[in-house]
């Protein structure tokens, strides 16, 4: 499993961000090839102090190659180009292979 995480900083207009993200951006995301699962939240909190992010997105792919292919696809390029329409505070994108563990 390979995870793509997008961390969004505070936007200029939080209401516009929320509405645009759910109504316009997520439908584009759902069309990305190879995306196995996804989740997001606007309720980002820090365990200590103020959270440095407004929202977070997580996408799961089979592996790094599947993620790279999705991002390079026409659908992935549309998703990337759409970010400027709502994320006025910017975004940090990270990805990593997921290691399972047991408690």
N, C-alpha and C. Protein backbone atom coordinates (compact mmCIF):
# COMPACT_ATOMS: atom_id res chain seq x y z
N UNK A 1 0.85 -1.18 0.00
CA UNK A 1 0.00 0.00 0.00
C UNK A 1 0.89 1.24 0.00
N UNK A 2 0.47 2.24 -0.75
CA UNK A 2 1.19 3.50 -0.83
C UNK A 2 0.19 4.62 -0.58
N UNK A 3 0.54 5.54 0.28
CA UNK A 3 -0.37 6.61 0.68
C UNK A 3 0.10 7.95 0.15
N UNK A 4 -0.86 8.72 -0.37
CA UNK A 4 -0.65 10.11 -0.79
C UNK A 4 -1.40 10.97 0.21
N UNK A 5 -0.73 11.95 0.80
CA UNK A 5 -1.34 12.83 1.78
C UNK A 5 -1.18 14.27 1.32
N UNK A 6 -2.27 15.03 1.37
CA UNK A 6 -2.23 16.46 1.04
C UNK A 6 -2.64 17.22 2.30
N UNK A 7 -1.78 18.12 2.74
CA UNK A 7 -2.02 18.94 3.92
C UNK A 7 -2.26 20.37 3.45
N UNK A 8 -3.43 20.90 3.75
CA UNK A 8 -3.82 22.23 3.29
C UNK A 8 -3.69 23.25 4.42
N UNK A 9 -2.99 24.35 4.14
CA UNK A 9 -2.89 25.46 5.08
C UNK A 9 -4.18 26.28 5.04
N UNK A 10 -4.32 27.18 6.02
CA UNK A 10 -5.54 28.01 6.10
C UNK A 10 -5.78 28.77 4.81
N UNK A 11 -6.97 28.62 4.22
CA UNK A 11 -7.31 29.37 3.01
C UNK A 11 -7.81 30.77 3.35
N UNK A 12 -7.84 31.64 2.36
CA UNK A 12 -8.37 33.00 2.55
C UNK A 12 -9.87 32.95 2.87
N UNK A 13 -10.59 32.02 2.25
CA UNK A 13 -12.04 31.90 2.44
C UNK A 13 -12.38 30.44 2.77
N UNK A 14 -12.43 30.09 4.05
CA UNK A 14 -12.69 28.70 4.45
C UNK A 14 -14.01 28.13 3.91
N UNK A 15 -15.05 28.94 3.85
CA UNK A 15 -16.33 28.45 3.34
C UNK A 15 -16.23 28.09 1.86
N UNK A 16 -15.56 28.93 1.09
CA UNK A 16 -15.36 28.62 -0.33
C UNK A 16 -14.55 27.34 -0.48
N UNK A 17 -13.49 27.21 0.30
CA UNK A 17 -12.65 26.01 0.25
C UNK A 17 -13.52 24.77 0.45
N UNK A 18 -14.27 24.74 1.55
CA UNK A 18 -15.09 23.56 1.88
C UNK A 18 -16.08 23.23 0.76
N UNK A 19 -16.80 24.24 0.30
CA UNK A 19 -17.81 24.03 -0.73
C UNK A 19 -17.18 23.56 -2.04
N UNK A 20 -16.16 24.27 -2.49
CA UNK A 20 -15.52 23.92 -3.76
C UNK A 20 -14.88 22.55 -3.69
N UNK A 21 -14.23 22.26 -2.58
CA UNK A 21 -13.54 20.98 -2.41
C UNK A 21 -14.51 19.80 -2.55
N UNK A 22 -15.62 19.88 -1.84
CA UNK A 22 -16.59 18.78 -1.85
C UNK A 22 -17.35 18.72 -3.17
N UNK A 23 -17.75 19.86 -3.69
CA UNK A 23 -18.60 19.91 -4.88
C UNK A 23 -17.83 19.70 -6.19
N UNK A 24 -16.61 20.24 -6.26
CA UNK A 24 -15.86 20.22 -7.53
C UNK A 24 -14.60 19.37 -7.51
N UNK A 25 -13.81 19.50 -6.45
CA UNK A 25 -12.51 18.84 -6.45
C UNK A 25 -12.61 17.33 -6.20
N UNK A 26 -13.36 16.93 -5.19
CA UNK A 26 -13.44 15.50 -4.89
C UNK A 26 -13.99 14.66 -6.05
N UNK A 27 -14.97 15.15 -6.82
CA UNK A 27 -15.39 14.37 -7.99
C UNK A 27 -14.25 14.14 -8.98
N UNK A 28 -13.35 15.10 -9.12
CA UNK A 28 -12.18 14.91 -9.99
C UNK A 28 -11.25 13.84 -9.40
N UNK A 29 -11.05 13.91 -8.10
CA UNK A 29 -10.18 12.95 -7.41
C UNK A 29 -10.70 11.53 -7.60
N UNK A 30 -12.00 11.35 -7.48
CA UNK A 30 -12.60 10.02 -7.59
C UNK A 30 -12.39 9.38 -8.96
N UNK A 31 -12.07 10.19 -9.97
CA UNK A 31 -11.81 9.66 -11.32
C UNK A 31 -10.37 9.23 -11.54
N UNK A 32 -9.50 9.44 -10.56
CA UNK A 32 -8.09 9.09 -10.74
C UNK A 32 -7.94 7.57 -10.84
N UNK A 33 -7.26 7.09 -11.87
CA UNK A 33 -7.08 5.64 -12.01
C UNK A 33 -6.19 5.09 -10.90
N UNK A 34 -6.54 3.92 -10.41
CA UNK A 34 -5.72 3.25 -9.41
C UNK A 34 -5.96 3.70 -7.98
N UNK A 35 -6.83 4.68 -7.76
CA UNK A 35 -7.12 5.14 -6.41
C UNK A 35 -8.00 4.09 -5.74
N UNK A 36 -7.48 3.46 -4.69
CA UNK A 36 -8.18 2.37 -4.02
C UNK A 36 -9.16 2.86 -2.96
N UNK A 37 -8.78 3.89 -2.24
CA UNK A 37 -9.62 4.46 -1.19
C UNK A 37 -9.15 5.88 -0.94
N UNK A 38 -10.03 6.70 -0.38
CA UNK A 38 -9.66 8.07 -0.06
C UNK A 38 -10.50 8.53 1.12
N UNK A 39 -9.97 9.54 1.80
CA UNK A 39 -10.66 10.14 2.92
C UNK A 39 -10.13 11.56 3.10
N UNK A 40 -10.94 12.39 3.75
CA UNK A 40 -10.51 13.77 4.00
C UNK A 40 -11.14 14.27 5.28
N UNK A 41 -10.64 15.39 5.79
CA UNK A 41 -11.23 16.02 6.96
C UNK A 41 -10.94 17.51 6.96
N UNK A 42 -11.93 18.27 7.42
CA UNK A 42 -11.76 19.69 7.67
C UNK A 42 -11.57 19.95 9.17
N UNK A 43 -11.56 18.92 9.95
CA UNK A 43 -11.47 19.04 11.41
C UNK A 43 -10.08 18.61 11.90
N UNK A 44 -9.06 19.25 11.40
CA UNK A 44 -7.68 18.92 11.75
C UNK A 44 -7.34 19.60 13.07
N UNK A 45 -6.87 18.82 14.03
CA UNK A 45 -6.51 19.35 15.34
C UNK A 45 -5.10 18.89 15.70
N UNK A 46 -4.45 19.66 16.51
CA UNK A 46 -3.13 19.30 17.03
C UNK A 46 -3.29 18.76 18.45
N UNK A 47 -2.42 17.87 18.85
CA UNK A 47 -2.49 17.36 20.22
C UNK A 47 -2.01 18.41 21.21
N UNK A 48 -1.23 19.35 20.71
CA UNK A 48 -0.69 20.42 21.56
C UNK A 48 -0.66 21.71 20.75
N UNK A 49 -1.33 22.73 21.18
CA UNK A 49 -1.31 24.01 20.47
C UNK A 49 -2.26 24.00 19.28
N UNK A 50 -2.01 24.94 18.37
CA UNK A 50 -2.86 25.12 17.21
C UNK A 50 -2.37 24.27 16.04
N UNK A 51 -3.29 23.64 15.33
CA UNK A 51 -2.94 22.82 14.17
C UNK A 51 -2.41 23.71 13.04
N UNK A 52 -1.34 23.29 12.38
CA UNK A 52 -0.80 24.09 11.28
C UNK A 52 -1.55 23.90 9.96
N UNK A 53 -2.56 23.02 9.95
CA UNK A 53 -3.29 22.74 8.71
C UNK A 53 -4.78 22.89 8.89
N UNK A 54 -5.44 23.29 7.83
CA UNK A 54 -6.88 23.49 7.80
C UNK A 54 -7.62 22.20 7.42
N UNK A 55 -7.03 21.45 6.48
CA UNK A 55 -7.68 20.24 5.98
C UNK A 55 -6.61 19.23 5.59
N UNK A 56 -7.04 17.97 5.48
CA UNK A 56 -6.13 16.89 5.09
C UNK A 56 -6.87 15.94 4.16
N UNK A 57 -6.13 15.39 3.20
CA UNK A 57 -6.64 14.36 2.28
C UNK A 57 -5.68 13.19 2.31
N UNK A 58 -6.23 11.97 2.29
CA UNK A 58 -5.42 10.76 2.18
C UNK A 58 -5.94 9.92 1.03
N UNK A 59 -5.06 9.48 0.17
CA UNK A 59 -5.43 8.57 -0.92
C UNK A 59 -4.56 7.34 -0.87
N UNK A 60 -5.17 6.17 -1.09
CA UNK A 60 -4.45 4.90 -1.05
C UNK A 60 -4.29 4.34 -2.45
N UNK A 61 -3.08 3.89 -2.74
CA UNK A 61 -2.76 3.25 -4.01
C UNK A 61 -2.06 1.93 -3.73
N UNK A 62 -2.05 1.04 -4.69
CA UNK A 62 -1.42 -0.27 -4.51
C UNK A 62 0.07 -0.14 -4.23
N UNK A 63 0.72 0.78 -4.92
CA UNK A 63 2.16 0.98 -4.76
C UNK A 63 2.55 2.35 -5.32
N UNK A 64 3.83 2.70 -5.21
CA UNK A 64 4.30 4.01 -5.67
C UNK A 64 4.11 4.18 -7.17
N UNK A 65 4.29 3.10 -7.93
CA UNK A 65 4.12 3.19 -9.39
C UNK A 65 2.67 3.51 -9.75
N UNK A 66 1.71 2.91 -9.04
CA UNK A 66 0.30 3.19 -9.31
C UNK A 66 -0.03 4.64 -8.98
N UNK A 67 0.54 5.15 -7.88
CA UNK A 67 0.31 6.55 -7.52
C UNK A 67 0.90 7.48 -8.58
N UNK A 68 2.12 7.20 -9.00
CA UNK A 68 2.77 8.04 -10.00
C UNK A 68 2.00 8.03 -11.31
N UNK A 69 1.51 6.86 -11.71
CA UNK A 69 0.72 6.76 -12.94
C UNK A 69 -0.57 7.55 -12.82
N UNK A 70 -1.21 7.48 -11.66
CA UNK A 70 -2.45 8.23 -11.44
C UNK A 70 -2.20 9.73 -11.52
N UNK A 71 -1.14 10.19 -10.90
CA UNK A 71 -0.84 11.62 -10.91
C UNK A 71 -0.46 12.12 -12.30
N UNK A 72 0.15 11.25 -13.11
CA UNK A 72 0.57 11.62 -14.47
C UNK A 72 -0.55 11.48 -15.49
N UNK A 73 -1.63 10.81 -15.12
CA UNK A 73 -2.75 10.60 -16.05
C UNK A 73 -3.46 11.92 -16.33
N UNK A 74 -4.28 11.97 -17.38
CA UNK A 74 -5.07 13.19 -17.64
C UNK A 74 -5.93 13.56 -16.44
N UNK A 75 -6.51 12.57 -15.77
CA UNK A 75 -7.34 12.84 -14.60
C UNK A 75 -6.49 13.43 -13.47
N UNK A 76 -5.32 12.87 -13.26
CA UNK A 76 -4.41 13.36 -12.22
C UNK A 76 -3.94 14.78 -12.50
N UNK A 77 -3.68 15.08 -13.76
CA UNK A 77 -3.26 16.43 -14.12
C UNK A 77 -4.41 17.43 -13.90
N UNK A 78 -5.65 17.00 -14.14
CA UNK A 78 -6.81 17.87 -13.88
C UNK A 78 -6.93 18.13 -12.38
N UNK A 79 -6.73 17.11 -11.58
CA UNK A 79 -6.79 17.27 -10.12
C UNK A 79 -5.73 18.29 -9.67
N UNK A 80 -4.51 18.13 -10.14
CA UNK A 80 -3.42 19.04 -9.75
C UNK A 80 -3.71 20.48 -10.20
N UNK A 81 -4.22 20.64 -11.40
CA UNK A 81 -4.49 21.98 -11.93
C UNK A 81 -5.65 22.66 -11.19
N UNK A 82 -6.53 21.88 -10.58
CA UNK A 82 -7.70 22.42 -9.91
C UNK A 82 -7.38 23.01 -8.53
N UNK A 83 -6.27 22.64 -7.94
CA UNK A 83 -5.95 23.06 -6.56
C UNK A 83 -5.96 24.58 -6.41
N UNK A 84 -5.50 25.32 -7.39
CA UNK A 84 -5.47 26.79 -7.29
C UNK A 84 -6.85 27.41 -7.16
N UNK A 85 -7.89 26.65 -7.48
CA UNK A 85 -9.25 27.17 -7.43
C UNK A 85 -9.84 27.24 -6.02
N UNK A 86 -9.16 26.64 -5.05
CA UNK A 86 -9.70 26.66 -3.68
C UNK A 86 -8.63 26.75 -2.60
N UNK A 87 -7.43 26.26 -2.85
CA UNK A 87 -6.39 26.17 -1.81
C UNK A 87 -5.50 27.41 -1.81
N UNK A 88 -6.07 28.56 -1.46
CA UNK A 88 -5.32 29.81 -1.48
C UNK A 88 -4.21 29.86 -0.44
N UNK A 89 -4.28 29.01 0.58
CA UNK A 89 -3.23 28.95 1.59
C UNK A 89 -2.08 28.03 1.23
N UNK A 90 -2.22 27.32 0.12
CA UNK A 90 -1.19 26.40 -0.31
C UNK A 90 -1.43 24.99 0.21
N UNK A 91 -0.63 24.07 -0.29
CA UNK A 91 -0.77 22.66 0.08
C UNK A 91 0.60 22.01 0.10
N UNK A 92 0.77 21.08 1.02
CA UNK A 92 1.97 20.26 1.10
C UNK A 92 1.54 18.84 0.72
N UNK A 93 2.23 18.25 -0.24
CA UNK A 93 1.91 16.89 -0.69
C UNK A 93 3.05 15.97 -0.31
N UNK A 94 2.72 14.90 0.41
CA UNK A 94 3.71 13.90 0.78
C UNK A 94 3.17 12.53 0.38
N UNK A 95 4.07 11.56 0.26
CA UNK A 95 3.64 10.18 -0.01
C UNK A 95 4.66 9.23 0.58
N UNK A 96 4.19 8.02 0.84
CA UNK A 96 5.06 7.04 1.50
C UNK A 96 4.45 5.64 1.41
N UNK A 97 5.31 4.62 1.46
CA UNK A 97 4.79 3.26 1.56
C UNK A 97 4.28 3.03 2.97
N UNK A 98 3.18 2.32 3.11
CA UNK A 98 2.59 2.06 4.41
C UNK A 98 3.10 0.72 4.93
N UNK A 99 3.55 0.72 6.15
CA UNK A 99 3.98 -0.51 6.83
C UNK A 99 2.92 -0.89 7.85
N UNK A 100 2.45 -2.10 7.80
CA UNK A 100 1.45 -2.55 8.76
C UNK A 100 2.09 -2.93 10.08
N UNK A 101 1.33 -2.81 11.11
CA UNK A 101 1.79 -3.20 12.44
C UNK A 101 0.64 -3.80 13.22
N UNK A 102 0.98 -4.44 14.29
CA UNK A 102 -0.04 -5.01 15.17
C UNK A 102 0.22 -4.53 16.57
N UNK A 103 -0.85 -4.39 17.34
CA UNK A 103 -0.74 -3.85 18.70
C UNK A 103 -0.52 -4.91 19.67
